[in-house]
Protein backbone atom coordinates (compact mmCIF):
# COMPACT_ATOMS: atom_id res chain seq x y z
CA MET A 1 4.81 -6.42 -49.17
CA LYS A 2 5.00 -7.18 -45.45
CA VAL A 3 1.86 -7.13 -43.32
CA ALA A 4 1.48 -3.83 -41.44
CA GLU A 5 0.15 -3.58 -37.90
CA ILE A 6 -2.42 -0.92 -37.15
CA ARG A 7 -0.46 0.42 -34.18
CA ASP A 8 2.35 1.33 -36.62
CA ILE A 9 0.13 2.62 -39.43
CA GLY A 10 1.43 6.18 -39.10
CA GLU A 11 4.69 4.96 -40.64
CA TYR A 12 2.85 4.23 -43.89
CA VAL A 13 1.21 7.63 -44.48
CA GLY A 14 1.42 8.56 -48.16
CA GLY A 15 2.15 4.97 -49.16
CA GLU A 16 0.43 1.63 -49.45
CA ALA A 17 -0.14 -0.83 -46.61
CA ARG A 18 -1.19 -4.47 -46.48
CA MET A 19 -3.11 -5.55 -43.40
CA LYS A 20 -4.76 -8.68 -42.07
CA GLY A 21 -7.44 -8.67 -39.41
CA TRP A 22 -11.11 -8.99 -38.55
CA ILE A 23 -14.20 -6.95 -39.35
CA TYR A 24 -15.16 -5.03 -36.23
CA ASN A 25 -17.98 -3.12 -37.93
CA ILE A 26 -19.15 -2.35 -41.45
CA ARG A 27 -21.69 0.06 -42.92
CA SER A 28 -22.69 0.97 -46.43
CA SER A 29 -23.38 4.31 -48.06
CA GLY A 30 -24.41 3.45 -51.58
CA LYS A 31 -21.31 2.62 -53.56
CA ILE A 32 -18.99 3.15 -50.55
CA LEU A 33 -18.25 0.78 -47.68
CA PHE A 34 -16.90 2.01 -44.36
CA ILE A 35 -15.11 -0.89 -42.74
CA ILE A 36 -13.68 -0.81 -39.21
CA LEU A 37 -10.84 -3.30 -39.19
CA ARG A 38 -9.17 -4.62 -36.05
CA ASP A 39 -5.96 -6.62 -36.05
CA GLY A 40 -5.28 -7.12 -32.34
CA THR A 41 -3.06 -4.02 -32.15
CA GLY A 42 -5.76 -1.45 -32.83
CA THR A 43 -8.63 -0.46 -35.14
CA ILE A 44 -8.72 1.62 -38.30
CA GLN A 45 -11.34 2.79 -40.76
CA CYS A 46 -11.02 1.45 -44.29
CA VAL A 47 -13.01 3.11 -47.09
CA ALA A 48 -13.82 0.85 -50.05
CA GLU A 49 -15.33 2.40 -53.19
CA GLU A 50 -16.90 0.25 -55.91
CA SER A 51 -15.34 2.42 -58.60
CA VAL A 52 -11.88 1.64 -57.21
CA ILE A 53 -11.99 -2.04 -56.26
CA GLY A 54 -14.45 -3.22 -58.91
CA GLU A 55 -18.06 -4.37 -58.93
CA GLU A 56 -17.54 -8.04 -58.02
CA PRO A 57 -15.08 -7.48 -55.16
CA PHE A 58 -17.34 -4.70 -53.87
CA GLU A 59 -20.35 -7.02 -53.90
CA LYS A 60 -18.42 -9.67 -51.95
CA ALA A 61 -17.19 -7.06 -49.47
CA SER A 62 -20.77 -5.87 -48.96
CA GLY A 63 -21.61 -9.33 -47.61
CA LEU A 64 -18.92 -9.26 -44.93
CA THR A 65 -20.10 -10.09 -41.43
CA GLN A 66 -18.79 -9.10 -38.02
CA GLU A 67 -15.53 -10.92 -37.18
CA SER A 68 -14.92 -12.13 -40.74
CA SER A 69 -11.18 -12.36 -41.36
CA VAL A 70 -9.82 -10.38 -44.31
CA GLU A 71 -6.75 -9.00 -46.01
CA ILE A 72 -6.99 -5.35 -47.01
CA ARG A 73 -4.59 -3.32 -49.14
CA GLY A 74 -4.72 0.39 -49.68
CA ASN A 75 -3.21 3.84 -49.38
CA VAL A 76 -2.78 5.29 -45.90
CA VAL A 77 -3.93 8.88 -45.38
CA GLU A 78 -3.97 11.05 -42.31
CA ASP A 79 -7.51 12.07 -41.29
CA ARG A 80 -8.18 13.63 -37.90
CA ARG A 81 -11.89 12.82 -38.20
CA ALA A 82 -11.23 9.09 -38.48
CA PRO A 83 -10.80 6.83 -35.43
CA GLY A 84 -7.12 6.86 -34.55
CA GLY A 85 -6.39 9.73 -36.93
CA TYR A 86 -5.67 7.56 -40.01
CA GLU A 87 -7.72 5.99 -42.78
CA ILE A 88 -7.15 3.39 -45.50
CA LYS A 89 -8.31 4.04 -49.04
CA VAL A 90 -8.92 0.44 -50.09
CA SER A 91 -7.43 -0.75 -53.37
CA GLY A 92 -7.87 -4.47 -52.76
CA LEU A 93 -9.73 -6.80 -50.38
CA ASP A 94 -9.59 -10.59 -50.00
CA ILE A 95 -11.86 -12.60 -47.71
CA ILE A 96 -10.00 -15.18 -45.64
CA GLN A 97 -13.09 -16.53 -43.86
CA LEU A 98 -16.69 -15.32 -43.81
CA SER A 99 -17.80 -15.46 -40.19
CA GLU A 100 -21.00 -17.10 -39.09
CA SER A 101 -23.54 -14.92 -37.26
CA TYR A 102 -21.54 -13.54 -34.34
CA PRO A 103 -23.26 -14.14 -30.98
CA ILE A 104 -22.03 -10.97 -29.24
CA THR A 105 -23.79 -7.94 -30.70
CA PRO A 106 -23.99 -4.27 -29.65
CA LYS A 107 -27.15 -5.04 -27.65
CA GLU A 108 -26.98 -5.68 -23.90
CA HIS A 109 -26.03 -9.21 -22.84
CA GLY A 110 -26.28 -10.75 -19.39
CA ASP A 111 -23.19 -11.59 -17.31
CA SER A 112 -23.75 -15.34 -17.62
CA PHE A 113 -24.02 -15.13 -21.42
CA LEU A 114 -20.84 -13.07 -21.69
CA LEU A 115 -18.92 -15.45 -19.41
CA ASP A 116 -20.16 -18.43 -21.44
CA HIS A 117 -18.69 -16.66 -24.46
CA ARG A 118 -15.59 -15.32 -22.72
CA HIS A 119 -13.43 -16.71 -25.53
CA LEU A 120 -15.20 -14.27 -27.88
CA TRP A 121 -15.92 -11.48 -25.37
CA LEU A 122 -12.17 -10.85 -25.19
CA ARG A 123 -12.41 -9.21 -28.63
CA SER A 124 -14.57 -6.32 -27.40
CA SER A 125 -12.91 -2.92 -26.96
CA ARG A 126 -13.52 -2.86 -23.20
CA GLN A 127 -12.15 -6.31 -22.48
CA ASN A 128 -9.29 -5.75 -24.88
CA LEU A 129 -8.25 -2.59 -23.05
CA ILE A 130 -8.48 -4.15 -19.59
CA LEU A 131 -6.21 -7.00 -20.62
CA ARG A 132 -3.78 -4.60 -22.32
CA ILE A 133 -3.56 -2.73 -19.03
CA ARG A 134 -3.03 -6.06 -17.27
CA ALA A 135 -0.09 -6.88 -19.55
CA ALA A 136 1.40 -3.43 -18.96
CA VAL A 137 0.98 -3.65 -15.18
CA ILE A 138 2.73 -7.02 -15.16
CA ARG A 139 5.64 -5.38 -16.97
CA TYR A 140 5.67 -2.42 -14.55
CA ILE A 141 5.70 -4.79 -11.58
CA ARG A 142 8.65 -6.79 -12.81
CA GLU A 143 10.56 -3.62 -13.69
CA PHE A 144 9.87 -2.11 -10.26
CA PHE A 145 11.49 -5.02 -8.45
CA ASP A 146 14.18 -5.77 -11.01
CA ASN A 147 15.32 -2.14 -10.95
CA ARG A 148 15.65 -2.29 -7.15
CA GLY A 149 17.93 -5.29 -7.06
CA PHE A 150 15.29 -7.96 -6.33
CA ILE A 151 15.84 -11.46 -7.69
CA CYS A 152 12.82 -13.23 -9.19
CA CYS A 153 12.69 -16.74 -7.71
CA ASP A 154 9.83 -18.89 -8.98
CA THR A 155 8.02 -20.91 -6.32
CA PRO A 156 6.20 -24.26 -6.68
CA ILE A 157 2.59 -24.65 -7.79
CA PHE A 158 2.42 -28.08 -6.08
CA THR A 159 3.10 -27.85 -2.35
CA PRO A 160 3.06 -30.40 0.49
CA ASN A 161 1.40 -28.13 3.05
CA ALA A 162 -0.73 -25.07 3.67
CA CYS A 163 0.43 -21.49 3.85
CA GLU A 164 -2.75 -19.51 4.54
CA GLY A 165 -4.89 -22.19 6.21
CA THR A 166 -6.06 -25.70 5.44
CA THR A 167 -9.71 -24.85 4.78
CA THR A 168 -9.07 -23.24 1.39
CA LEU A 169 -6.69 -25.76 -0.16
CA PHE A 170 -7.18 -27.65 -3.41
CA SER A 171 -5.78 -31.16 -2.96
CA THR A 172 -4.58 -33.49 -5.69
CA ASP A 173 -2.93 -36.89 -5.98
CA TYR A 174 0.84 -36.66 -6.42
CA PHE A 175 1.93 -40.17 -7.40
CA GLY A 176 0.25 -41.63 -4.33
CA ASP A 177 0.97 -38.72 -2.01
CA ASN A 178 -1.33 -35.85 -1.21
CA ALA A 179 -0.32 -32.48 -2.66
CA PHE A 180 -1.97 -29.06 -2.79
CA LEU A 181 -2.21 -26.19 -5.23
CA THR A 182 -0.31 -23.25 -3.81
CA GLN A 183 -2.06 -20.50 -1.87
CA SER A 184 1.08 -18.37 -1.80
CA GLY A 185 4.78 -18.56 -2.56
CA GLN A 186 5.68 -16.80 0.66
CA LEU A 187 7.17 -19.68 2.65
CA TYR A 188 9.51 -20.47 -0.23
CA ASN A 189 10.30 -16.76 -0.59
CA GLU A 190 11.61 -16.81 2.96
CA ALA A 191 14.09 -19.50 1.95
CA THR A 192 15.25 -17.65 -1.16
CA ALA A 193 15.50 -14.37 0.79
CA ALA A 194 18.16 -16.04 2.94
CA ALA A 195 20.09 -16.73 -0.25
CA PHE A 196 19.53 -13.49 -2.18
CA ARG A 197 18.38 -10.93 0.47
CA LYS A 198 15.66 -9.34 -1.73
CA VAL A 199 13.42 -11.65 -3.75
CA TYR A 200 9.99 -11.84 -5.33
CA CYS A 201 7.82 -14.45 -6.96
CA PHE A 202 5.00 -13.76 -9.39
CA GLY A 203 2.59 -16.45 -10.48
CA PRO A 204 -0.79 -18.14 -10.14
CA THR A 205 -2.23 -18.98 -6.72
CA PHE A 206 -5.36 -20.88 -5.76
CA ARG A 207 -7.96 -20.60 -3.00
CA ALA A 208 -10.75 -23.16 -2.57
CA GLU A 209 -12.89 -20.45 -1.05
CA LYS A 210 -16.65 -20.71 -1.57
CA SER A 211 -17.15 -17.02 -2.16
CA LYS A 212 -19.22 -15.33 -4.83
CA THR A 213 -18.28 -11.74 -4.09
CA ARG A 214 -17.08 -9.35 -6.78
CA ARG A 215 -13.60 -9.39 -5.18
CA HIS A 216 -12.90 -13.12 -5.31
CA LEU A 217 -11.43 -15.51 -7.85
CA ILE A 218 -10.56 -19.17 -7.34
CA GLU A 219 -7.39 -18.81 -9.41
CA PHE A 220 -5.52 -15.51 -9.42
CA TRP A 221 -2.03 -14.09 -9.83
CA MET A 222 -0.02 -12.69 -6.96
CA VAL A 223 3.31 -10.89 -6.72
CA GLU A 224 5.12 -11.44 -3.43
CA PRO A 225 8.35 -9.69 -2.43
CA GLU A 226 10.32 -10.76 0.65
CA VAL A 227 13.17 -8.71 2.14
CA ALA A 228 15.79 -9.91 4.61
CA PHE A 229 16.41 -7.71 7.65
CA ALA A 230 13.33 -5.56 6.90
CA ASP A 231 10.80 -4.74 9.60
CA LEU A 232 7.12 -3.80 9.38
CA ASP A 233 7.82 -0.12 8.70
CA ASP A 234 10.32 -1.00 5.97
CA ILE A 235 7.82 -3.19 4.16
CA MET A 236 5.07 -0.53 4.35
CA VAL A 237 7.42 1.96 2.68
CA LEU A 238 8.20 -0.59 -0.04
CA ALA A 239 4.48 -1.32 -0.54
CA GLU A 240 3.46 2.34 -0.87
CA ASP A 241 6.31 3.12 -3.25
CA PHE A 242 5.32 0.07 -5.29
CA VAL A 243 1.59 0.83 -5.53
CA ALA A 244 2.14 4.54 -6.21
CA GLU A 245 4.67 3.92 -8.99
CA ILE A 246 2.62 1.24 -10.74
CA THR A 247 -0.55 3.34 -10.55
CA GLN A 248 1.09 6.46 -11.93
CA ARG A 249 2.71 4.52 -14.78
CA ALA A 250 -0.73 3.16 -15.70
CA VAL A 251 -2.19 6.67 -15.62
CA LYS A 252 0.62 8.00 -17.80
CA ASP A 253 0.30 5.24 -20.41
CA PHE A 254 -3.48 4.77 -20.42
CA GLU A 255 -5.10 8.02 -19.24
CA GLU A 256 -7.18 8.65 -22.37
CA PRO A 257 -8.54 5.08 -22.83
CA LEU A 258 -9.16 4.78 -19.08
CA ARG A 259 -11.38 7.85 -19.31
CA GLU A 260 -13.03 7.18 -22.66
CA VAL A 261 -13.48 3.40 -22.70
CA LEU A 262 -13.76 2.53 -19.00
CA ASP A 263 -15.14 5.87 -17.75
CA ARG A 264 -12.52 5.82 -14.98
CA ASP A 265 -12.13 8.91 -12.81
CA VAL A 266 -8.42 9.23 -13.51
CA ASP A 267 -8.12 12.30 -11.28
CA ARG A 268 -8.69 10.01 -8.30
CA LEU A 269 -5.88 7.74 -9.43
CA LYS A 270 -3.57 10.73 -9.72
CA LYS A 271 -3.97 11.19 -5.95
CA VAL A 272 -2.28 7.84 -5.34
CA GLN A 273 0.93 9.43 -4.10
CA THR A 274 3.15 8.61 -1.13
CA PRO A 275 3.01 8.68 1.81
CA PHE A 276 -0.11 6.61 2.36
CA PRO A 277 -2.14 7.07 5.57
CA ARG A 278 -1.45 4.57 8.36
CA ILE A 279 -3.94 3.51 11.03
CA SER A 280 -3.83 0.64 13.51
CA TYR A 281 -6.42 -2.12 13.60
CA ARG A 282 -7.65 -0.63 16.88
CA GLN A 283 -8.09 2.79 15.26
CA ALA A 284 -9.94 1.19 12.35
CA ALA A 285 -12.29 -0.55 14.78
CA GLU A 286 -13.01 2.81 16.43
CA ILE A 287 -13.79 4.39 13.06
CA LEU A 288 -16.25 1.60 12.31
CA LYS A 289 -17.86 1.98 15.74
CA ASP A 290 -18.19 5.74 15.31
CA LYS A 291 -19.89 5.18 11.95
CA GLY A 292 -22.41 2.80 13.48
CA GLU A 293 -21.05 -0.35 11.88
CA ASP A 294 -21.70 -3.73 13.45
CA PHE A 295 -18.12 -4.83 14.04
CA GLU A 296 -16.68 -6.99 16.78
CA PHE A 297 -13.13 -6.23 17.87
CA GLY A 298 -10.90 -9.22 17.17
CA LYS A 299 -12.64 -10.17 13.94
CA ASP A 300 -11.39 -9.61 10.41
CA PHE A 301 -12.94 -6.93 8.23
CA GLY A 302 -15.69 -7.78 5.83
CA GLY A 303 -16.09 -6.15 2.44
CA ASN A 304 -18.55 -3.59 3.78
CA HIS A 305 -16.19 -2.66 6.63
CA GLU A 306 -13.37 -2.06 4.14
CA THR A 307 -15.65 0.13 2.04
CA VAL A 308 -16.67 2.24 5.03
CA LEU A 309 -13.04 2.70 6.10
CA SER A 310 -12.03 3.73 2.58
CA GLU A 311 -14.47 6.66 2.73
CA GLU A 312 -12.03 8.33 5.14
CA PHE A 313 -9.16 8.50 2.64
CA ASP A 314 -8.48 9.74 -0.89
CA ARG A 315 -5.79 7.14 -1.60
CA PRO A 316 -4.87 3.62 -0.46
CA PHE A 317 -4.20 3.34 3.28
CA PHE A 318 -2.54 0.90 5.66
CA VAL A 319 -4.20 -0.90 8.55
CA HIS A 320 -1.54 -2.50 10.75
CA ARG A 321 -1.21 -4.65 13.87
CA PHE A 322 -4.14 -7.00 13.48
CA PRO A 323 -4.96 -9.43 16.29
CA ALA A 324 -2.58 -12.37 16.12
CA ALA A 325 -5.48 -14.82 16.36
CA ILE A 326 -6.79 -13.88 12.90
CA LYS A 327 -3.43 -13.91 11.14
CA ALA A 328 -1.23 -16.75 9.90
CA PHE A 329 1.05 -18.65 12.28
CA TYR A 330 4.23 -17.08 10.89
CA MET A 331 3.45 -13.46 11.85
CA GLU A 332 5.80 -11.80 14.35
CA PRO A 333 3.98 -10.72 17.55
CA ASP A 334 3.97 -7.05 18.47
CA PRO A 335 6.56 -6.70 21.27
CA GLU A 336 4.40 -4.06 22.95
CA ASP A 337 1.29 -6.26 22.90
CA PRO A 338 1.80 -9.94 21.98
CA SER A 339 -1.93 -10.36 21.35
CA LEU A 340 -1.33 -8.30 18.21
CA SER A 341 0.80 -9.18 15.20
CA LEU A 342 3.18 -7.08 13.15
CA SER A 343 0.88 -7.50 10.17
CA VAL A 344 -0.48 -5.02 7.66
CA ASP A 345 -3.15 -4.77 4.97
CA LEU A 346 -3.24 -2.10 2.30
CA LEU A 347 -6.80 -1.14 1.44
CA ALA A 348 -7.61 0.70 -1.77
CA SER A 349 -9.70 3.84 -1.70
CA GLU A 350 -13.17 4.08 -3.31
CA GLY A 351 -14.34 0.88 -1.65
CA TYR A 352 -12.15 -1.54 -3.62
CA GLY A 353 -10.93 -3.33 -0.51
CA GLU A 354 -7.70 -5.09 0.39
CA ILE A 355 -5.08 -5.22 -2.35
CA ILE A 356 -2.03 -6.10 -0.22
CA GLY A 357 -1.55 -8.30 2.81
CA GLY A 358 1.77 -8.76 4.56
CA GLY A 359 3.90 -8.07 7.57
CA GLN A 360 6.97 -9.03 9.56
CA ARG A 361 7.72 -12.75 9.86
CA ALA A 362 8.43 -14.54 13.11
CA TYR A 363 11.96 -15.95 13.19
CA ASP A 364 12.20 -17.49 16.66
CA LEU A 365 12.28 -21.29 16.33
CA ASP A 366 10.48 -22.12 19.58
CA PHE A 367 7.74 -19.56 18.92
CA LEU A 368 7.06 -20.99 15.46
CA LYS A 369 6.94 -24.56 16.77
CA LYS A 370 4.38 -23.45 19.36
CA LYS A 371 2.25 -21.67 16.71
CA ILE A 372 2.34 -24.69 14.40
CA ARG A 373 1.03 -26.89 17.22
CA GLU A 374 -1.67 -24.36 18.17
CA ASP A 375 -2.88 -24.24 14.54
CA ASN A 376 -3.02 -28.05 14.42
CA LEU A 377 -0.46 -28.20 11.64
CA SER A 378 2.05 -31.00 11.18
CA GLU A 379 5.49 -29.99 12.41
CA ALA A 380 7.01 -32.69 10.21
CA ASP A 381 5.62 -30.95 7.11
CA PHE A 382 7.36 -27.73 8.11
CA GLN A 383 10.81 -29.07 8.97
CA TRP A 384 12.39 -27.40 5.95
CA TYR A 385 10.71 -24.10 6.93
CA LEU A 386 11.90 -24.43 10.53
CA ASP A 387 15.44 -25.03 9.22
CA LEU A 388 15.42 -21.37 8.18
CA ARG A 389 15.24 -20.56 11.91
CA ARG A 390 17.94 -23.09 12.82
CA TYR A 391 20.56 -21.89 10.39
CA GLY A 392 21.08 -18.13 10.37
CA ALA A 393 17.66 -16.91 11.53
CA PHE A 394 17.03 -13.31 10.57
CA PRO A 395 14.20 -10.76 10.81
CA HIS A 396 12.41 -10.33 7.49
CA SER A 397 9.20 -8.98 6.03
CA GLY A 398 7.15 -9.19 2.87
CA PHE A 399 3.75 -8.81 1.31
CA GLY A 400 1.52 -10.19 -1.42
CA LEU A 401 -0.43 -8.13 -3.94
CA GLY A 402 -3.33 -9.72 -5.81
CA LEU A 403 -2.93 -8.61 -9.42
CA GLU A 404 -6.60 -8.87 -10.36
CA ARG A 405 -7.87 -6.86 -7.38
CA PHE A 406 -5.28 -4.18 -8.09
CA LEU A 407 -6.37 -4.05 -11.73
CA THR A 408 -10.00 -3.75 -10.68
CA TYR A 409 -9.01 -0.63 -8.75
CA ILE A 410 -6.88 0.87 -11.52
CA CYS A 411 -9.56 0.26 -14.16
CA GLY A 412 -12.42 1.35 -11.92
CA ILE A 413 -14.51 -1.72 -12.71
CA GLN A 414 -16.93 -3.52 -10.46
CA HIS A 415 -15.96 -7.19 -10.75
CA VAL A 416 -12.56 -8.87 -10.61
CA ARG A 417 -13.63 -11.42 -13.25
CA GLU A 418 -12.95 -8.93 -16.07
CA THR A 419 -9.27 -8.57 -15.14
CA ILE A 420 -8.14 -12.09 -16.09
CA PRO A 421 -8.57 -13.68 -19.53
CA PHE A 422 -10.44 -16.76 -18.34
CA PRO A 423 -11.82 -16.33 -14.80
CA ARG A 424 -12.25 -19.30 -12.50
CA LEU A 425 -15.21 -18.67 -10.22
CA LEU A 426 -17.07 -20.77 -7.68
CA ASN A 427 -19.46 -22.18 -10.30
CA ARG A 428 -17.38 -21.64 -13.44
CA LEU A 429 -14.59 -23.78 -14.84
CA SER A 430 -15.28 -23.07 -18.53
CA PRO A 431 -14.32 -21.82 -21.03
């Protein structure tokens, strides 16, 4: 008999199933054991009666501990009162391994303890759901771009130069040369966009940023589309279509568990529909001033500023045309005011902060050379990038979305560390 998976257990109603998994919970009622079994695809209640399985097997089963691994056989019945709507009437049970005393119990544990035991914490219903949503969102993202004719072009993890600024680079020895862990695949996306017109990369990125806020990870995943001949308005339309579609697919597939397990206000997510509001950086600064916030024009927004701005909107919103001085060297200047850049951030509602950063890229060779010098970067390191402006220069735009921040918003959770299996934080490299 093949091993059944709990997610498919409805196919076995009226017949016998054989399952392998772990004990999630167990309680006794005299000569009956109520076992909650999990197998990685779901949980199900298994009812073991001494009169059915025998005295000795029942006695062994009574000694099962949380997370013990077992094989259970039994008849599958439909029962609306049971978790998941099905129940197993146990006819046989074999113990694969009797677990030692499991460190994570139903009592409250501190954040540090849970992160120390992240390798075990992943088994909890909350963490399990968050990472299931993560896997689904990754699938939605790839399907969104693939269905629109984008080509996925992987970009290097090791790079010879900075993309977002030299102060947050991780350096490493590369056979005697200095190399860095990538901050973004964007510069390489610009090269592949010239070959394929519409491209995206999706992979891990790294920031050596000494930040302990709930929105920051040292290692995170980012999806970055780049589109040839697209301007700032084009890329904002793409970004809002993208975020709205992914959010609504998550709501459709996970509405009940989002509500019941994560206590997410799904009705707020249902408001994530296009078009998204658009305000300029200057308008955002005025909003902050009117609300009494201490904000200096020309500076970037802090987390509190983003939260205050989000109170004005019931869905994600764009802030565009940031001062050029606070954006990367490759941003196209605003032709109406060169002190501004054709840049854009998408801020999530409910105080979750920036989830997308992007804009229109500069494609004038002399302008880029000047910006590289002003930012004290090595022109020699960027010769290949400048070649893109020598041979068929073209206007183009793109953005990057941080997967973990986006998941924090969708799941309605407070800290980004729960949205990745093994978070890398300022003071945490293990497990």
